[in-house]
C-alpha atoms as a PDB file:
ATOM      1  CA  MET A   1     -20.675 -36.529 -45.405  1.00  0.00           C
ATOM      2  CA  LEU A   2     -21.950 -39.822 -43.601  1.00  0.00           C
ATOM      3  CA  TYR A   3     -17.914 -40.665 -43.688  1.00  0.00           C
ATOM      4  CA  GLY A   4     -16.801 -37.380 -41.923  1.00  0.00           C
ATOM      5  CA  ALA A   5     -19.251 -38.415 -39.286  1.00  0.00           C
ATOM      6  CA  PHE A   6     -18.388 -42.173 -38.770  1.00  0.00           C
ATOM      7  CA  ILE A   7     -14.662 -40.931 -38.711  1.00  0.00           C
ATOM      8  CA  ASP A   8     -15.229 -38.105 -36.223  1.00  0.00           C
ATOM      9  CA  LYS A   9     -17.619 -40.784 -33.798  1.00  0.00           C
ATOM     10  CA  SER A  10     -14.622 -43.164 -33.960  1.00  0.00           C
ATOM     11  CA  PHE A  11     -12.294 -40.873 -32.670  1.00  0.00           C
ATOM     12  CA  SER A  12     -14.468 -39.649 -30.398  1.00  0.00           C
ATOM     13  CA  GLN A  13     -14.769 -43.080 -29.177  1.00  0.00           C
ATOM     14  CA  GLU A  14     -11.330 -43.936 -29.116  1.00  0.00           C
ATOM     15  CA  LEU A  15     -10.557 -40.827 -26.945  1.00  0.00           C
ATOM     16  CA  THR A  16     -13.112 -41.497 -24.330  1.00  0.00           C
ATOM     17  CA  ARG A  17     -11.604 -44.919 -24.334  1.00  0.00           C
ATOM     18  CA  ALA A  18      -7.775 -43.437 -23.825  1.00  0.00           C
ATOM     19  CA  LEU A  19      -9.381 -40.860 -21.226  1.00  0.00           C
ATOM     20  CA  ALA A  20     -11.134 -44.144 -18.931  1.00  0.00           C
ATOM     21  CA  LEU A  21      -7.735 -45.958 -19.469  1.00  0.00           C
ATOM     22  CA  LYS A  22      -5.505 -42.807 -18.477  1.00  0.00           C
ATOM     23  CA  GLU A  23      -8.370 -41.987 -15.292  1.00  0.00           C
ATOM     24  CA  GLU A  24      -7.971 -45.630 -14.517  1.00  0.00           C
ATOM     25  CA  LEU A  25      -4.436 -45.465 -14.413  1.00  0.00           C
ATOM     26  CA  ALA A  26      -4.303 -42.108 -12.174  1.00  0.00           C
ATOM     27  CA  SER A  27      -6.607 -43.621  -9.681  1.00  0.00           C
ATOM     28  CA  LYS A  28      -4.007 -46.985  -9.138  1.00  0.00           C
ATOM     29  CA  LEU A  29      -1.441 -44.371  -8.790  1.00  0.00           C
ATOM     30  CA  ALA A  30      -2.979 -42.798  -6.262  1.00  0.00           C
ATOM     31  CA  ALA A  31      -3.974 -45.765  -4.394  1.00  0.00           C
ATOM     32  CA  ASN A  32      -0.391 -46.957  -4.491  1.00  0.00           C
ATOM     33  CA  SER A  33       0.863 -43.076  -3.203  1.00  0.00           C
ATOM     34  CA  ASN A  34      -1.475 -43.596  -0.422  1.00  0.00           C
ATOM     35  CA  ALA A  35      -0.385 -47.235   0.365  1.00  0.00           C
ATOM     36  CA  ILE A  36       3.419 -46.308   0.396  1.00  0.00           C
ATOM     37  CA  SER A  37       2.524 -42.978   2.166  1.00  0.00           C
ATOM     38  CA  ALA A  38       0.418 -45.139   4.852  1.00  0.00           C
ATOM     39  CA  ASN A  39       3.523 -47.155   5.264  1.00  0.00           C
ATOM     40  CA  LEU A  40       6.664 -44.661   5.298  1.00  0.00           C
ATOM     41  CA  ARG A  41       4.410 -43.132   8.110  1.00  0.00           C
ATOM     42  CA  GLN A  42       4.224 -46.144  10.002  1.00  0.00           C
ATOM     43  CA  ASP A  43       8.009 -46.706   9.702  1.00  0.00           C
ATOM     44  CA  TYR A  44       9.003 -43.414  10.725  1.00  0.00           C
ATOM     45  CA  GLU A  45       6.452 -43.810  13.873  1.00  0.00           C
ATOM     46  CA  ASP A  46       8.428 -46.832  14.569  1.00  0.00           C
ATOM     47  CA  ASN A  47      11.587 -45.512  14.106  1.00  0.00           C
ATOM     48  CA  VAL A  48      10.686 -42.527  16.657  1.00  0.00           C
ATOM     49  CA  LYS A  49       9.490 -44.557  19.186  1.00  0.00           C
ATOM     50  CA  GLN A  50      12.912 -46.819  19.079  1.00  0.00           C
ATOM     51  CA  LEU A  51      14.607 -43.919  18.981  1.00  0.00           C
ATOM     52  CA  GLU A  52      13.010 -42.688  21.662  1.00  0.00           C
ATOM     53  CA  SER A  53      13.473 -45.814  23.583  1.00  0.00           C
ATOM     54  CA  GLN A  54      16.956 -45.239  23.049  1.00  0.00           C
ATOM     55  CA  ILE A  55      17.000 -41.759  24.511  1.00  0.00           C
ATOM     56  CA  ALA A  56      15.440 -43.171  27.755  1.00  0.00           C
ATOM     57  CA  GLN A  57      17.456 -46.207  28.659  1.00  0.00           C
ATOM     58  CA  LEU A  58      20.750 -43.919  27.539  1.00  0.00           C
ATOM     59  CA  ALA A  59      19.556 -40.880  29.881  1.00  0.00           C
ATOM     60  CA  GLN A  60      19.258 -43.734  32.638  1.00  0.00           C
ATOM     61  CA  GLU A  61      22.571 -45.236  31.834  1.00  0.00           C
ATOM     62  CA  LYS A  62      23.619 -41.581  32.012  1.00  0.00           C
ATOM     63  CA  GLU A  63      22.184 -41.213  35.408  1.00  0.00           C
ATOM     64  CA  ASN A  64      23.570 -44.314  36.635  1.00  0.00           C
ATOM     65  CA  LEU A  65      27.214 -43.454  35.687  1.00  0.00           C
ATOM     66  CA  MET A  66      26.778 -40.087  36.961  1.00  0.00           C
ATOM     67  CA  GLN A  67      25.918 -41.554  40.510  1.00  0.00           C
ATOM     68  CA  ALA A  68      29.156 -44.114  40.295  1.00  0.00           C
ATOM     69  CA  LEU A  69      31.408 -41.617  39.519  1.00  0.00           C
ATOM     70  CA  LYS A  70      30.261 -39.129  42.085  1.00  0.00           C
ATOM     71  CA  ALA A  71      30.432 -41.912  44.741  1.00  0.00           C
ATOM     72  CA  VAL A  72      33.903 -42.827  43.608  1.00  0.00           C
ATOM     73  CA  GLN A  73      34.703 -39.243  43.777  1.00  0.00           C
ATOM     74  CA  GLU A  74      33.106 -39.177  47.767  1.00  0.00           C
ATOM     75  CA  ASN A  75      34.966 -42.242  48.688  1.00  0.00           C
ATOM     76  CA  ASN A  76      38.367 -41.002  47.086  1.00  0.00           C
ATOM     77  CA  ALA A  77      38.018 -37.587  49.013  1.00  0.00           C
ATOM     78  CA  SER A  78      37.222 -39.438  52.249  1.00  0.00           C
ATOM     79  CA  ASN A  79      40.259 -42.036  51.736  1.00  0.00           C
ATOM     80  CA  LYS A  80      43.144 -39.178  51.108  1.00  0.00           C
ATOM     81  CA  TYR A  81      45.693 -38.966  54.324  1.00  0.00           C
ATOM     82  CA  VAL A  82      45.384 -36.176  56.272  1.00  0.00           C
ATOM     83  CA  SER A  83      48.136 -35.525  57.918  1.00  0.00           C
ATOM     84  CA  PRO A  84      48.043 -34.212  61.481  1.00  0.00           C
ATOM     85  CA  PRO A  85      49.387 -30.792  62.099  1.00  0.00           C
ATOM     86  CA  LEU A  86      52.779 -30.173  62.496  1.00  0.00           C
ATOM     87  CA  GLU A  87      53.189 -28.955  66.713  1.00  0.00           C
ATOM     88  CA  PRO A  88      56.004 -26.335  66.658  1.00  0.00           C
ATOM     89  CA  PRO A  89      59.421 -27.491  68.421  1.00  0.00           C
ATOM     90  CA  SER A  90      59.552 -27.411  72.019  1.00  0.00           C
END
């Protein structure tokens, strides 16, 4: 009976040690996962800011080009030669 109690105690200690190692590993994995998530979130936010800045720049460039196009169209319209009306022969 003493041998059985020794085996049970040894088995219990081994299980306790294995459980402690698994808990430690789970804790490290969770910490790693949180760090990775934070890095990914920061990268995502940086990318969003960069893209928003590019959108603003492109919108400004579009506005400038639209104004330039309008000015050219107005200039072309005013430079067209309009012939004087024909007078009927007398």
